[in-house]
């Protein structure tokens, strides 16, 4: 319940994790390694879709002894913003919005009602916080804290408690 479920991979990309914490932390370490290696070798950040594909390959190669995790990889690169869902079998889906974990059905209900592609960043923060808050309220397995990260042209950053409370009373 107290695990940080949002992780920075590079300045332009992060991921969320649901499921087995040890499996997800292993994936985070491998992605950080490859992202750093790509940046050093190519003098540019790794594309977001490359990290999603690498995650997919890791899940797929371990299908006999699967990682018990569901990963979202999202960020902004030269092609613009991108969000990918990678399930425990290695399937990759490019999404506009997606939720993972046991609270997903509750969060999806709110997102399907309130998401639209023209949301401002401020409005999107409200929708995201409301979706996670609803999942926490109605699902014991979701955990008891809300973490929010923004990834845009200014990079990856976690919202502070004060910034979250300014968006929505928690």
C-alpha atoms as a PDB file:
ATOM      1  CA  UNK A   1       0.000   0.000   0.000  1.00  0.00           C
ATOM      2  CA  UNK A   2       2.915   2.392   0.558  1.00  0.00           C
ATOM      3  CA  UNK A   3       4.974   1.588  -2.536  1.00  0.00           C
ATOM      4  CA  UNK A   4       5.778   4.445  -4.905  1.00  0.00           C
ATOM      5  CA  UNK A   5       3.847   3.307  -7.970  1.00  0.00           C
ATOM      6  CA  UNK A   6       5.167   6.022 -10.278  1.00  0.00           C
ATOM      7  CA  UNK A   7       8.798   5.850 -11.321  1.00  0.00           C
ATOM      8  CA  UNK A   8      10.960   8.187 -13.394  1.00  0.00           C
ATOM      9  CA  UNK A   9      12.928   6.356 -16.071  1.00  0.00           C
ATOM     10  CA  UNK A  10      14.510   9.392 -17.754  1.00  0.00           C
ATOM     11  CA  UNK A  11      13.698  13.097 -17.698  1.00  0.00           C
ATOM     12  CA  UNK A  12      11.163  12.634 -20.521  1.00  0.00           C
ATOM     13  CA  UNK A  13       9.552   9.319 -19.546  1.00  0.00           C
ATOM     14  CA  UNK A  14       8.106   7.539 -16.538  1.00  0.00           C
ATOM     15  CA  UNK A  15       6.056   4.502 -15.709  1.00  0.00           C
ATOM     16  CA  UNK A  16       3.420   3.305 -13.335  1.00  0.00           C
ATOM     17  CA  UNK A  17       3.308  -0.146 -11.863  1.00  0.00           C
ATOM     18  CA  UNK A  18       0.620  -2.441 -10.580  1.00  0.00           C
ATOM     19  CA  UNK A  19       1.070  -5.977  -9.323  1.00  0.00           C
ATOM     20  CA  UNK A  20       4.201  -7.521  -7.896  1.00  0.00           C
ATOM     21  CA  UNK A  21       6.459  -4.795  -6.548  1.00  0.00           C
ATOM     22  CA  UNK A  22       9.694  -6.803  -6.878  1.00  0.00           C
ATOM     23  CA  UNK A  23       8.936  -7.672 -10.505  1.00  0.00           C
ATOM     24  CA  UNK A  24       8.074  -4.078 -11.334  1.00  0.00           C
ATOM     25  CA  UNK A  25      11.189  -2.720  -9.592  1.00  0.00           C
ATOM     26  CA  UNK A  26      13.319  -5.115 -11.642  1.00  0.00           C
ATOM     27  CA  UNK A  27      11.714  -3.805 -14.827  1.00  0.00           C
ATOM     28  CA  UNK A  28      12.337  -0.197 -13.732  1.00  0.00           C
ATOM     29  CA  UNK A  29      16.034  -0.943 -13.183  1.00  0.00           C
ATOM     30  CA  UNK A  30      16.437  -2.587 -16.592  1.00  0.00           C
ATOM     31  CA  UNK A  31      14.601   0.246 -18.385  1.00  0.00           C
ATOM     32  CA  UNK A  32      16.729   2.879 -16.643  1.00  0.00           C
ATOM     33  CA  UNK A  33      19.872   1.019 -17.675  1.00  0.00           C
ATOM     34  CA  UNK A  34      18.844   0.829 -21.339  1.00  0.00           C
ATOM     35  CA  UNK A  35      17.595   4.424 -21.395  1.00  0.00           C
ATOM     36  CA  UNK A  36      20.940   5.638 -20.019  1.00  0.00           C
ATOM     37  CA  UNK A  37      22.875   3.447 -22.452  1.00  0.00           C
ATOM     38  CA  UNK A  38      20.854   4.790 -25.401  1.00  0.00           C
ATOM     39  CA  UNK A  39      21.407   8.397 -24.284  1.00  0.00           C
ATOM     40  CA  UNK A  40      25.167   7.858 -23.950  1.00  0.00           C
ATOM     41  CA  UNK A  41      25.569   5.957 -27.230  1.00  0.00           C
ATOM     42  CA  UNK A  42      23.258   8.108 -29.363  1.00  0.00           C
ATOM     43  CA  UNK A  43      23.485  11.494 -27.632  1.00  0.00           C
ATOM     44  CA  UNK A  44      19.676  11.674 -27.533  1.00  0.00           C
ATOM     45  CA  UNK A  45      16.901  10.418 -25.286  1.00  0.00           C
ATOM     46  CA  UNK A  46      15.412   7.016 -25.994  1.00  0.00           C
ATOM     47  CA  UNK A  47      12.019   7.142 -27.732  1.00  0.00           C
ATOM     48  CA  UNK A  48       9.074   6.328 -25.476  1.00  0.00           C
ATOM     49  CA  UNK A  49       7.850   3.583 -27.823  1.00  0.00           C
ATOM     50  CA  UNK A  50      11.292   1.919 -27.644  1.00  0.00           C
ATOM     51  CA  UNK A  51      10.998   1.635 -23.864  1.00  0.00           C
ATOM     52  CA  UNK A  52       7.477   0.245 -24.215  1.00  0.00           C
ATOM     53  CA  UNK A  53       8.708  -2.316 -26.739  1.00  0.00           C
ATOM     54  CA  UNK A  54      11.642  -3.289 -24.491  1.00  0.00           C
ATOM     55  CA  UNK A  55       9.216  -3.780 -21.607  1.00  0.00           C
ATOM     56  CA  UNK A  56       7.060  -5.952 -23.859  1.00  0.00           C
ATOM     57  CA  UNK A  57      10.038  -8.104 -24.803  1.00  0.00           C
ATOM     58  CA  UNK A  58      11.000  -8.550 -21.145  1.00  0.00           C
ATOM     59  CA  UNK A  59       7.486  -9.728 -20.280  1.00  0.00           C
ATOM     60  CA  UNK A  60       7.293 -11.983 -23.326  1.00  0.00           C
ATOM     61  CA  UNK A  61      10.638 -13.695 -22.744  1.00  0.00           C
ATOM     62  CA  UNK A  62       9.566 -14.478 -19.161  1.00  0.00           C
ATOM     63  CA  UNK A  63       6.152 -15.874 -20.084  1.00  0.00           C
ATOM     64  CA  UNK A  64       7.084 -19.304 -18.674  1.00  0.00           C
ATOM     65  CA  UNK A  65       7.737 -17.693 -15.297  1.00  0.00           C
ATOM     66  CA  UNK A  66       5.860 -14.420 -15.767  1.00  0.00           C
ATOM     67  CA  UNK A  67       6.379 -11.086 -14.146  1.00  0.00           C
ATOM     68  CA  UNK A  68       3.232 -10.404 -12.150  1.00  0.00           C
ATOM     69  CA  UNK A  69       2.913  -6.751 -13.076  1.00  0.00           C
ATOM     70  CA  UNK A  70       1.053  -4.389 -15.337  1.00  0.00           C
ATOM     71  CA  UNK A  71       3.084  -1.435 -16.557  1.00  0.00           C
ATOM     72  CA  UNK A  72       2.211   1.909 -18.110  1.00  0.00           C
ATOM     73  CA  UNK A  73       5.036   3.694 -19.911  1.00  0.00           C
ATOM     74  CA  UNK A  74       4.405   7.318 -20.797  1.00  0.00           C
ATOM     75  CA  UNK A  75       6.312  10.381 -21.802  1.00  0.00           C
ATOM     76  CA  UNK A  76       7.097  12.999 -24.393  1.00  0.00           C
ATOM     77  CA  UNK A  77       9.728  12.599 -27.096  1.00  0.00           C
ATOM     78  CA  UNK A  78      10.422  13.966 -30.584  1.00  0.00           C
ATOM     79  CA  UNK A  79       7.166  12.391 -31.830  1.00  0.00           C
ATOM     80  CA  UNK A  80       5.102  14.029 -29.070  1.00  0.00           C
ATOM     81  CA  UNK A  81       3.270  12.559 -26.086  1.00  0.00           C
ATOM     82  CA  UNK A  82       2.788   8.791 -25.853  1.00  0.00           C
ATOM     83  CA  UNK A  83       1.236   6.337 -23.406  1.00  0.00           C
ATOM     84  CA  UNK A  84       1.578   2.560 -23.613  1.00  0.00           C
ATOM     85  CA  UNK A  85       0.052  -0.227 -21.546  1.00  0.00           C
ATOM     86  CA  UNK A  86       2.124  -3.424 -21.308  1.00  0.00           C
ATOM     87  CA  UNK A  87       0.408  -6.414 -19.715  1.00  0.00           C
ATOM     88  CA  UNK A  88       2.034  -9.454 -18.113  1.00  0.00           C
ATOM     89  CA  UNK A  89       2.012 -11.366 -21.417  1.00  0.00           C
ATOM     90  CA  UNK A  90       3.912  -8.624 -23.260  1.00  0.00           C
ATOM     91  CA  UNK A  91       1.026  -7.117 -25.203  1.00  0.00           C
ATOM     92  CA  UNK A  92       1.594  -3.421 -25.960  1.00  0.00           C
ATOM     93  CA  UNK A  93      -1.242  -0.989 -26.525  1.00  0.00           C
ATOM     94  CA  UNK A  94      -0.919   2.694 -27.339  1.00  0.00           C
ATOM     95  CA  UNK A  95      -3.628   4.536 -25.359  1.00  0.00           C
ATOM     96  CA  UNK A  96      -4.996   8.014 -24.748  1.00  0.00           C
ATOM     97  CA  UNK A  97      -5.782   7.021 -21.159  1.00  0.00           C
ATOM     98  CA  UNK A  98      -5.545   3.768 -19.259  1.00  0.00           C
ATOM     99  CA  UNK A  99      -5.642   2.464 -15.707  1.00  0.00           C
ATOM    100  CA  UNK A 100      -4.061  -0.584 -14.103  1.00  0.00           C
ATOM    101  CA  UNK A 101      -4.443  -2.409 -10.844  1.00  0.00           C
ATOM    102  CA  UNK A 102      -7.360  -3.621  -8.801  1.00  0.00           C
ATOM    103  CA  UNK A 103      -9.013  -0.184  -8.724  1.00  0.00           C
ATOM    104  CA  UNK A 104      -9.121   0.042 -12.513  1.00  0.00           C
ATOM    105  CA  UNK A 105     -12.845  -0.600 -12.943  1.00  0.00           C
ATOM    106  CA  UNK A 106     -13.702   2.294 -10.634  1.00  0.00           C
ATOM    107  CA  UNK A 107     -11.156   4.640 -12.223  1.00  0.00           C
ATOM    108  CA  UNK A 108     -12.260   3.687 -15.739  1.00  0.00           C
ATOM    109  CA  UNK A 109     -15.838   4.602 -14.943  1.00  0.00           C
ATOM    110  CA  UNK A 110     -14.793   8.149 -14.144  1.00  0.00           C
ATOM    111  CA  UNK A 111     -12.245   8.444 -16.969  1.00  0.00           C
ATOM    112  CA  UNK A 112     -14.677   7.239 -19.626  1.00  0.00           C
ATOM    113  CA  UNK A 113     -17.144   9.863 -18.493  1.00  0.00           C
ATOM    114  CA  UNK A 114     -14.768  12.820 -18.145  1.00  0.00           C
ATOM    115  CA  UNK A 115     -11.799  12.294 -20.493  1.00  0.00           C
ATOM    116  CA  UNK A 116     -11.622  14.108 -23.809  1.00  0.00           C
ATOM    117  CA  UNK A 117      -8.621  14.830 -25.997  1.00  0.00           C
ATOM    118  CA  UNK A 118      -8.986  18.595 -25.545  1.00  0.00           C
ATOM    119  CA  UNK A 119      -8.515  18.660 -21.751  1.00  0.00           C
ATOM    120  CA  UNK A 120      -6.134  21.313 -20.491  1.00  0.00           C
ATOM    121  CA  UNK A 121      -3.311  20.181 -18.232  1.00  0.00           C
ATOM    122  CA  UNK A 122      -5.111  21.649 -15.212  1.00  0.00           C
ATOM    123  CA  UNK A 123      -8.377  19.880 -16.096  1.00  0.00           C
ATOM    124  CA  UNK A 124      -6.522  16.613 -16.769  1.00  0.00           C
ATOM    125  CA  UNK A 125      -4.933  16.777 -13.298  1.00  0.00           C
ATOM    126  CA  UNK A 126      -8.394  17.117 -11.736  1.00  0.00           C
ATOM    127  CA  UNK A 127      -9.749  14.137 -13.696  1.00  0.00           C
ATOM    128  CA  UNK A 128      -6.717  11.983 -12.846  1.00  0.00           C
ATOM    129  CA  UNK A 129      -6.843  12.817  -9.142  1.00  0.00           C
ATOM    130  CA  UNK A 130     -10.591  12.188  -9.005  1.00  0.00           C
ATOM    131  CA  UNK A 131     -10.147   8.793 -10.713  1.00  0.00           C
ATOM    132  CA  UNK A 132      -7.458   7.650  -8.275  1.00  0.00           C
ATOM    133  CA  UNK A 133      -9.369   9.029  -5.280  1.00  0.00           C
ATOM    134  CA  UNK A 134     -12.485   7.093  -6.368  1.00  0.00           C
ATOM    135  CA  UNK A 135     -10.446   3.884  -6.712  1.00  0.00           C
ATOM    136  CA  UNK A 136      -8.949   4.335  -3.232  1.00  0.00           C
ATOM    137  CA  UNK A 137     -12.365   4.995  -1.726  1.00  0.00           C
ATOM    138  CA  UNK A 138     -14.025   1.959  -3.305  1.00  0.00           C
ATOM    139  CA  UNK A 139     -11.246  -0.649  -3.518  1.00  0.00           C
ATOM    140  CA  UNK A 140      -9.199  -1.816  -0.548  1.00  0.00           C
ATOM    141  CA  UNK A 141      -6.391  -3.167  -2.780  1.00  0.00           C
ATOM    142  CA  UNK A 142      -5.647   0.195  -4.365  1.00  0.00           C
ATOM    143  CA  UNK A 143      -3.584   1.561  -1.509  1.00  0.00           C
ATOM    144  CA  UNK A 144      -3.989   4.716   0.488  1.00  0.00           C
ATOM    145  CA  UNK A 145      -1.931   7.408  -1.165  1.00  0.00           C
ATOM    146  CA  UNK A 146      -2.174   9.418  -4.344  1.00  0.00           C
ATOM    147  CA  UNK A 147       0.928  10.142  -6.385  1.00  0.00           C
ATOM    148  CA  UNK A 148       0.719  12.226  -9.526  1.00  0.00           C
ATOM    149  CA  UNK A 149       3.443  12.807 -12.086  1.00  0.00           C
ATOM    150  CA  UNK A 150       3.437  15.163 -15.031  1.00  0.00           C
ATOM    151  CA  UNK A 151       5.508  14.465 -18.105  1.00  0.00           C
ATOM    152  CA  UNK A 152       5.576  17.195 -20.721  1.00  0.00           C
ATOM    153  CA  UNK A 153       8.113  19.214 -22.689  1.00  0.00           C
ATOM    154  CA  UNK A 154       9.497  20.407 -19.318  1.00  0.00           C
ATOM    155  CA  UNK A 155      10.211  16.827 -18.241  1.00  0.00           C
ATOM    156  CA  UNK A 156       9.088  14.448 -15.519  1.00  0.00           C
ATOM    157  CA  UNK A 157       8.028  15.819 -12.160  1.00  0.00           C
ATOM    158  CA  UNK A 158       6.003  14.563  -9.219  1.00  0.00           C
ATOM    159  CA  UNK A 159       3.398  16.837  -7.719  1.00  0.00           C
ATOM    160  CA  UNK A 160       3.967  17.807  -4.104  1.00  0.00           C
ATOM    161  CA  UNK A 161       1.262  17.345  -1.475  1.00  0.00           C
ATOM    162  CA  UNK A 162       0.509  21.072  -1.661  1.00  0.00           C
ATOM    163  CA  UNK A 163       0.212  20.962  -5.464  1.00  0.00           C
ATOM    164  CA  UNK A 164      -2.168  17.984  -5.266  1.00  0.00           C
ATOM    165  CA  UNK A 165      -4.312  19.671  -2.610  1.00  0.00           C
ATOM    166  CA  UNK A 166      -4.488  22.816  -4.747  1.00  0.00           C
ATOM    167  CA  UNK A 167      -5.994  20.726  -7.551  1.00  0.00           C
ATOM    168  CA  UNK A 168      -8.391  18.626  -5.466  1.00  0.00           C
ATOM    169  CA  UNK A 169      -9.039  18.295  -1.732  1.00  0.00           C
ATOM    170  CA  UNK A 170      -7.713  14.881  -0.727  1.00  0.00           C
END
